[in-house]
Structure formats: C-alpha cells, structure tokens
Amino acid sequence: MPQPTADLTRLIRCACILEATARKPGNVHPEVAFSDLCYDDFVNAARVAAPLLAEARQREVGQSILDAVVATGEATGGNVNLGIILLLAPLAAVPTNLSLVDGIADVLGSLTQQDASLAYQAIRRANPGGMGRSETEDVAAEPTGTLLEVMRLAADRDAIAMQYASRFELVLETGVPILAAESHFQENWEQAIIRLHLTLMATCPDSLIARKRGVDEAHKSAELAKAVLEAGWPTTRPGAQKLVELDVWLRDRGNSRNPGTTADLVAATIFAALRDGFVEMPPGVE
C-alpha cells in the first residue's frame, strides 16, 4: 500500500489517465473529442490536480477540492474533472496505513461546514451543466451543514453525492471487485475498464444524463449498457455490435448523453484498486 504523497500523486494521475484513455462508450478518449473537450484536456487536468488531491489529508478535503478545480480551470480553461475531484479528495485523505474500506468512514465523518463551503465554491467555479436549483442547501448559497450532510441531501439525485452518503459503496464494493477479477489487468486494462464502465452504468443510471436529458433517458442508458453485457461482450459479435449501438446512441444529440458521472466513478474506482493493491499499474502509464 502506498505511503508517501508522491506515490498518491502518481496513482491519482495514472488512474485519471487510464480512465480517459480507455475507449469507453459515450466518453472522450484519444480517438474521439467533443466540440469543447478533448483527450489532452483530461491529461492536463490529471497532471495539475493530482498533487493537490494527494495532499487532501494535509490541506483538508474542501481546500483540496477547491485548489484542484482552480488549477484545472487555469490549465484547461474549463470544467474537465469536477466529479473526479469530488470523489478522489476524500479517498486520498484516508491515512495510508488503512485500506479505503477501513478508513473512509472516519474521513467522511470528520468533514466540516468549511469543507462544504469550499466545495460549493469549487462547484460554482466549475459551473457544471444541468445543475438546476435545489430547495435545500443549493450550491448558489452558503451551506449550513457539513460536506457529508449536504451530500446526503443530494444523494437521491446525484451519484457522486451518493458515494459520500454510502461510504463509497458503489466504488469500493461494486467497482473495485470488477477490476480485481481481471487476472491480467496490466495487459487487459482497457477491457477491464470498459467492463467496469458498463457495469456501473447498468447498476446506477448516469446522473449527468438524468440532469441533462431526464431520468427516462438515464434509465435507458442503463438498460442499453446491461444489454451489451448480456449479449456477451467482449467475446461475442452481438456484444460488440451492442457496444457500438450504445456508443452511437450516447453520442447522438451533440453528446448531451455523455455518461460523465459514470466516467468519474470509473476514475475513482481505478484509483481505489491501484491504491489498495487490487491491481498493478499497467506499464508505460504516467
């Protein structure tokens, strides 16, 4: 298990790069860009955010979130990795002598109202699409509870908030075992990450799609992802065809069905699996 901050920096950076590099349906990767976002943006975001997130225990979680969002904006000119930052900051704050499963509850329980205020500043600065308004603890105002408390209020409509409320159950109990089950992760990492992406999307309808396109389309994306796996991907021709069809559907309508929250969960899961030694780093990833 890693000890120095420098190791955490490398693991965070590499987890983000692996997530962005895998050719996941509906997302940016080296072969596909959006009109306002490309693969290099994710690489640059990973480079500047990783050392700040790696210091989350020393900086405090909220400050680490805000600093990483500011650094990303300065490096890329936009919101590239807000969801990833919100997920990785508390994970990176777990003492390195503890596993994430054993340590995350104490980190979440120690979050403060100041952490919430700084996280709200980061969210306002990133200005993610489809946020809308909330009757309680809206990000446009100052929070009145801790970061954990305000995340609990949003957990029914946002998968990232749900991770705070559930002690990162989807990441640590569903996601990590999927990667750990790949006995040759170093060679087959892209296939393992795509399988993870499909499984998470099928399990938890993407909340970014829900915000932008509505709950029905988010549930349809989950059904289509499940259909890819049920058709035998990656070893069958029907499975491969279903994956292409899912990718085309997600990219229709100007990429407004981008499963961005699922991608954020994938990045957090890769970090968790690397950090706790369930998988080894593929060669040549830096």
Protein backbone atom coordinates (compact mmCIF):
# COMPACT_ATOMS: atom_id res chain seq x y z
CA MET A 1 0.00 0.00 0.00
CA PRO A 2 1.46 3.41 -0.93
CA GLN A 3 2.89 5.62 1.78
CA PRO A 4 4.40 8.91 0.51
CA THR A 5 2.37 11.70 -1.02
CA ALA A 6 4.45 11.33 -4.18
CA ASP A 7 3.04 7.82 -4.62
CA LEU A 8 -0.52 9.09 -4.17
CA THR A 9 0.15 11.78 -6.77
CA ARG A 10 1.28 9.16 -9.26
CA LEU A 11 -1.64 6.85 -8.53
CA ILE A 12 -4.19 9.65 -8.88
CA ARG A 13 -2.65 10.92 -12.10
CA CYS A 14 -2.41 7.45 -13.62
CA ALA A 15 -5.95 6.50 -12.58
CA CYS A 16 -7.30 9.60 -14.31
CA ILE A 17 -5.24 8.97 -17.43
CA LEU A 18 -6.30 5.32 -17.63
CA GLU A 19 -9.95 6.35 -17.33
CA ALA A 20 -9.60 8.93 -20.09
CA THR A 21 -7.59 6.62 -22.36
CA ALA A 22 -9.96 3.65 -22.30
CA ARG A 23 -12.32 3.84 -25.27
CA LYS A 24 -15.49 3.83 -23.20
CA PRO A 25 -18.84 4.33 -24.94
CA GLY A 26 -20.05 7.92 -24.97
CA ASN A 27 -16.92 9.49 -23.46
CA VAL A 28 -13.93 11.44 -24.75
CA HIS A 29 -10.87 9.30 -25.43
CA PRO A 30 -7.78 9.62 -27.69
CA GLU A 31 -9.81 8.88 -30.82
CA VAL A 32 -12.92 10.96 -30.06
CA ALA A 33 -13.33 14.56 -28.84
CA PHE A 34 -16.30 16.76 -28.05
CA SER A 35 -16.59 20.25 -29.53
CA ASP A 36 -15.34 21.79 -26.29
CA LEU A 37 -13.33 18.95 -24.74
CA CYS A 38 -10.53 16.66 -25.89
CA TYR A 39 -8.31 13.91 -24.52
CA ASP A 40 -5.40 16.29 -23.85
CA ASP A 41 -7.67 18.32 -21.57
CA PHE A 42 -8.10 15.27 -19.34
CA VAL A 43 -4.38 14.54 -19.34
CA ASN A 44 -3.56 18.13 -18.41
CA ALA A 45 -6.27 18.14 -15.74
CA ALA A 46 -4.85 14.96 -14.23
CA ARG A 47 -1.36 16.43 -14.20
CA VAL A 48 -2.29 19.59 -12.28
CA ALA A 49 -4.97 18.15 -9.99
CA ALA A 50 -3.16 15.02 -8.82
CA PRO A 51 -0.58 16.64 -6.50
CA LEU A 52 -3.25 18.82 -4.89
CA LEU A 53 -5.60 15.90 -4.31
CA ALA A 54 -2.74 13.81 -2.95
CA GLU A 55 -2.41 16.37 -0.15
CA ALA A 56 -6.08 16.20 0.83
CA ARG A 57 -5.27 14.92 4.30
CA GLN A 58 -2.88 17.82 4.97
CA ARG A 59 -4.86 20.51 3.12
CA GLU A 60 -8.29 19.32 4.31
CA VAL A 61 -10.74 17.86 1.83
CA GLY A 62 -12.63 21.05 0.94
CA GLN A 63 -9.49 23.08 0.30
CA SER A 64 -8.05 20.29 -1.82
CA ILE A 65 -11.25 20.21 -3.90
CA LEU A 66 -11.20 23.95 -4.49
CA ASP A 67 -7.48 24.10 -5.24
CA ALA A 68 -7.74 21.25 -7.75
CA VAL A 69 -10.70 22.85 -9.54
CA VAL A 70 -8.90 26.20 -9.74
CA ALA A 71 -5.73 24.56 -11.07
CA THR A 72 -7.72 22.59 -13.64
CA GLY A 73 -9.51 25.70 -14.86
CA GLU A 74 -6.25 27.55 -15.25
CA ALA A 75 -4.66 24.66 -17.15
CA THR A 76 -7.56 23.76 -19.43
CA GLY A 77 -9.87 26.76 -19.47
CA GLY A 78 -12.90 24.82 -18.31
CA ASN A 79 -14.56 22.16 -16.14
CA VAL A 80 -12.83 18.92 -17.03
CA ASN A 81 -12.80 16.86 -13.84
CA LEU A 82 -15.07 18.28 -11.12
CA GLY A 83 -16.74 14.93 -10.40
CA ILE A 84 -13.41 13.14 -10.25
CA ILE A 85 -12.07 15.75 -7.84
CA LEU A 86 -15.11 15.48 -5.56
CA LEU A 87 -14.69 11.70 -5.43
CA LEU A 88 -10.92 11.50 -5.09
CA ALA A 89 -10.40 14.14 -2.41
CA PRO A 90 -11.95 12.14 0.47
CA LEU A 91 -10.42 8.89 -0.79
CA ALA A 92 -6.98 10.48 -0.90
CA ALA A 93 -7.46 11.77 2.66
CA VAL A 94 -7.68 8.25 4.11
CA PRO A 95 -4.50 7.53 6.12
CA THR A 96 -2.20 5.40 4.00
CA ASN A 97 -1.82 2.79 6.73
CA LEU A 98 -5.51 1.96 6.35
CA SER A 99 -7.42 0.45 3.47
CA LEU A 100 -10.05 2.69 1.91
CA VAL A 101 -12.85 0.45 3.19
CA ASP A 102 -11.49 0.73 6.72
CA GLY A 103 -10.67 4.44 6.64
CA ILE A 104 -13.26 6.25 4.55
CA ALA A 105 -15.95 6.45 7.26
CA ASP A 106 -13.72 8.45 9.59
CA VAL A 107 -12.75 10.85 6.80
CA LEU A 108 -16.37 11.44 5.84
CA GLY A 109 -17.39 11.82 9.48
CA SER A 110 -14.73 14.47 10.05
CA LEU A 111 -15.84 16.70 7.16
CA THR A 112 -16.88 20.19 8.26
CA GLN A 113 -19.09 23.05 7.19
CA GLN A 114 -15.94 24.77 5.95
CA ASP A 115 -15.28 21.78 3.70
CA ALA A 116 -18.82 22.20 2.35
CA SER A 117 -18.31 25.93 1.76
CA LEU A 118 -15.07 25.35 -0.14
CA ALA A 119 -16.62 22.53 -2.17
CA TYR A 120 -19.56 24.82 -3.04
CA GLN A 121 -17.08 27.45 -4.23
CA ALA A 122 -15.42 24.81 -6.40
CA ILE A 123 -18.75 23.71 -7.90
CA ARG A 124 -19.77 27.29 -8.65
CA ARG A 125 -16.39 27.92 -10.27
CA ALA A 126 -16.61 24.78 -12.41
CA ASN A 127 -20.24 25.55 -13.31
CA PRO A 128 -21.21 22.02 -14.38
CA GLY A 129 -24.03 21.55 -16.85
CA GLY A 130 -27.55 20.67 -15.81
CA MET A 131 -27.20 21.59 -12.14
CA GLY A 132 -30.51 23.42 -11.78
CA ARG A 133 -31.69 24.64 -8.36
CA SER A 134 -32.35 22.89 -5.08
CA GLU A 135 -34.76 23.90 -2.32
CA THR A 136 -32.26 22.89 0.37
CA GLU A 137 -28.51 23.59 0.52
CA ASP A 138 -28.38 24.95 -3.03
CA VAL A 139 -24.81 25.48 -4.22
CA ALA A 140 -25.60 29.10 -5.08
CA ALA A 141 -25.88 29.82 -1.35
CA GLU A 142 -23.66 29.11 1.65
CA PRO A 143 -24.12 25.64 3.14
CA THR A 144 -25.45 25.28 6.66
CA GLY A 145 -24.25 21.70 7.17
CA THR A 146 -21.07 19.71 6.80
CA LEU A 147 -19.96 18.42 3.41
CA LEU A 148 -21.25 14.96 4.33
CA GLU A 149 -24.61 16.37 5.42
CA VAL A 150 -25.18 18.37 2.25
CA MET A 151 -24.09 15.42 0.11
CA ARG A 152 -26.64 13.23 1.87
CA LEU A 153 -29.35 15.68 0.85
CA ALA A 154 -28.38 15.31 -2.81
CA ALA A 155 -27.77 11.55 -2.77
CA ASP A 156 -31.12 10.65 -4.33
CA ARG A 157 -30.35 12.61 -7.50
CA ASP A 158 -26.55 12.61 -7.81
CA ALA A 159 -24.33 9.52 -7.89
CA ILE A 160 -21.30 11.41 -6.61
CA ALA A 161 -23.21 12.68 -3.58
CA MET A 162 -24.46 9.12 -3.12
CA GLN A 163 -20.89 7.93 -2.65
CA TYR A 164 -20.43 10.26 0.29
CA ALA A 165 -23.72 9.12 1.80
CA SER A 166 -22.97 5.40 1.31
CA ARG A 167 -19.27 5.37 2.29
CA PHE A 168 -18.36 4.95 -1.39
CA GLU A 169 -20.26 1.68 -1.66
CA LEU A 170 -20.55 1.69 -5.46
CA VAL A 171 -16.84 2.41 -5.88
CA LEU A 172 -15.41 0.15 -3.18
CA GLU A 173 -17.88 -2.74 -3.05
CA THR A 174 -19.11 -2.93 -6.66
CA GLY A 175 -16.41 -1.29 -8.76
CA VAL A 176 -13.14 -2.46 -7.22
CA PRO A 177 -14.06 -6.19 -7.35
CA ILE A 178 -14.75 -5.87 -11.08
CA LEU A 179 -11.20 -4.67 -11.70
CA ALA A 180 -9.73 -7.12 -9.19
CA ALA A 181 -11.41 -10.01 -11.04
CA GLU A 182 -9.27 -9.29 -14.13
CA SER A 183 -6.31 -11.61 -13.52
CA HIS A 184 -4.23 -9.92 -16.23
CA PHE A 185 -5.14 -6.30 -15.59
CA GLN A 186 -1.76 -4.96 -16.72
CA GLU A 187 -2.33 -6.45 -20.18
CA ASN A 188 -6.14 -6.20 -20.39
CA TRP A 189 -6.69 -2.93 -18.51
CA GLU A 190 -8.75 -1.26 -21.25
CA GLN A 191 -11.19 -4.15 -21.50
CA ALA A 192 -11.48 -4.28 -17.71
CA ILE A 193 -12.18 -0.54 -17.53
CA ILE A 194 -14.82 -0.70 -20.26
CA ARG A 195 -16.48 -3.61 -18.42
CA LEU A 196 -16.39 -1.53 -15.24
CA HIS A 197 -17.93 1.44 -17.07
CA LEU A 198 -20.74 -0.69 -18.49
CA THR A 199 -21.46 -2.37 -15.16
CA LEU A 200 -21.56 0.88 -13.21
CA MET A 201 -23.82 2.48 -15.82
CA ALA A 202 -26.13 -0.53 -15.76
CA THR A 203 -26.18 -0.53 -11.94
CA CYS A 204 -26.58 3.20 -11.37
CA PRO A 205 -28.21 5.22 -14.19
CA ASP A 206 -25.89 8.11 -15.01
CA SER A 207 -26.93 11.20 -13.07
CA LEU A 208 -25.35 13.60 -15.58
CA ILE A 209 -27.57 12.15 -18.29
CA ALA A 210 -30.50 12.45 -15.89
CA ARG A 211 -29.77 16.15 -15.27
CA LYS A 212 -29.28 16.98 -18.94
CA ARG A 213 -31.76 14.66 -20.67
CA GLY A 214 -34.12 13.45 -17.97
CA VAL A 215 -34.48 10.37 -15.79
CA ASP A 216 -36.05 8.27 -18.53
CA GLU A 217 -33.03 8.63 -20.80
CA ALA A 218 -30.68 7.87 -17.91
CA HIS A 219 -32.58 4.64 -17.29
CA LYS A 220 -32.48 3.84 -21.00
CA SER A 221 -28.70 4.25 -20.96
CA ALA A 222 -28.57 1.77 -18.07
CA GLU A 223 -30.71 -0.72 -19.99
CA LEU A 224 -28.53 -0.39 -23.09
CA ALA A 225 -25.35 -0.91 -21.06
CA LYS A 226 -26.86 -4.01 -19.44
CA ALA A 227 -27.80 -5.30 -22.89
CA VAL A 228 -24.16 -5.06 -24.03
CA LEU A 229 -23.02 -7.25 -21.14
CA GLU A 230 -25.91 -9.70 -21.53
CA ALA A 231 -25.06 -10.09 -25.23
CA GLY A 232 -21.68 -11.48 -24.25
CA TRP A 233 -19.35 -8.52 -24.73
CA PRO A 234 -16.38 -8.66 -25.25
CA THR A 235 -16.23 -12.22 -26.63
CA THR A 236 -19.26 -12.27 -28.95
CA ARG A 237 -20.18 -10.48 -32.15
CA PRO A 238 -23.65 -9.48 -30.83
CA GLY A 239 -21.96 -7.99 -27.77
CA ALA A 240 -19.57 -5.98 -29.94
CA GLN A 241 -22.48 -4.72 -32.03
CA LYS A 242 -24.46 -3.73 -28.94
CA LEU A 243 -21.45 -1.75 -27.70
CA VAL A 244 -21.28 0.16 -31.00
CA GLU A 245 -25.01 0.87 -30.84
CA LEU A 246 -24.69 2.16 -27.27
CA ASP A 247 -21.79 4.41 -28.26
CA VAL A 248 -23.73 5.86 -31.20
CA TRP A 249 -26.82 6.48 -29.06
CA LEU A 250 -24.81 8.19 -26.32
CA ARG A 251 -23.06 10.45 -28.82
CA ASP A 252 -26.26 11.47 -30.59
CA ARG A 253 -27.72 14.95 -29.97
CA GLY A 254 -24.39 16.67 -29.62
CA ASN A 255 -23.02 14.35 -26.91
CA SER A 256 -25.72 15.51 -24.50
CA ARG A 257 -26.00 11.91 -23.30
CA ASN A 258 -22.36 11.84 -22.23
CA PRO A 259 -22.18 9.44 -19.25
CA GLY A 260 -19.81 11.74 -17.42
CA THR A 261 -20.76 10.75 -13.89
CA THR A 262 -20.08 7.11 -14.70
CA ALA A 263 -16.66 8.12 -16.00
CA ASP A 264 -15.98 9.94 -12.73
CA LEU A 265 -16.90 6.81 -10.79
CA VAL A 266 -14.60 4.78 -13.05
CA ALA A 267 -11.66 7.07 -12.27
CA ALA A 268 -12.32 6.79 -8.53
CA THR A 269 -12.58 3.00 -8.79
CA ILE A 270 -9.30 2.70 -10.68
CA PHE A 271 -7.58 4.83 -8.04
CA ALA A 272 -9.05 2.73 -5.24
CA ALA A 273 -7.99 -0.54 -6.88
CA LEU A 274 -4.46 0.73 -7.50
CA ARG A 275 -4.12 2.37 -4.10
CA ASP A 276 -5.14 -0.73 -2.15
CA GLY A 277 -3.16 -3.15 -4.31
CA PHE A 278 -6.02 -4.99 -6.02
CA VAL A 279 -4.46 -4.33 -9.44
CA GLU A 280 -1.00 -3.36 -10.66
CA MET A 281 -0.20 -0.31 -12.75
CA PRO A 282 -0.01 -1.08 -16.47
CA PRO A 283 3.46 -0.39 -17.90
CA GLY A 284 4.10 2.95 -19.59
CA VAL A 285 1.28 4.89 -17.92
CA GLU A 286 2.50 8.18 -16.44
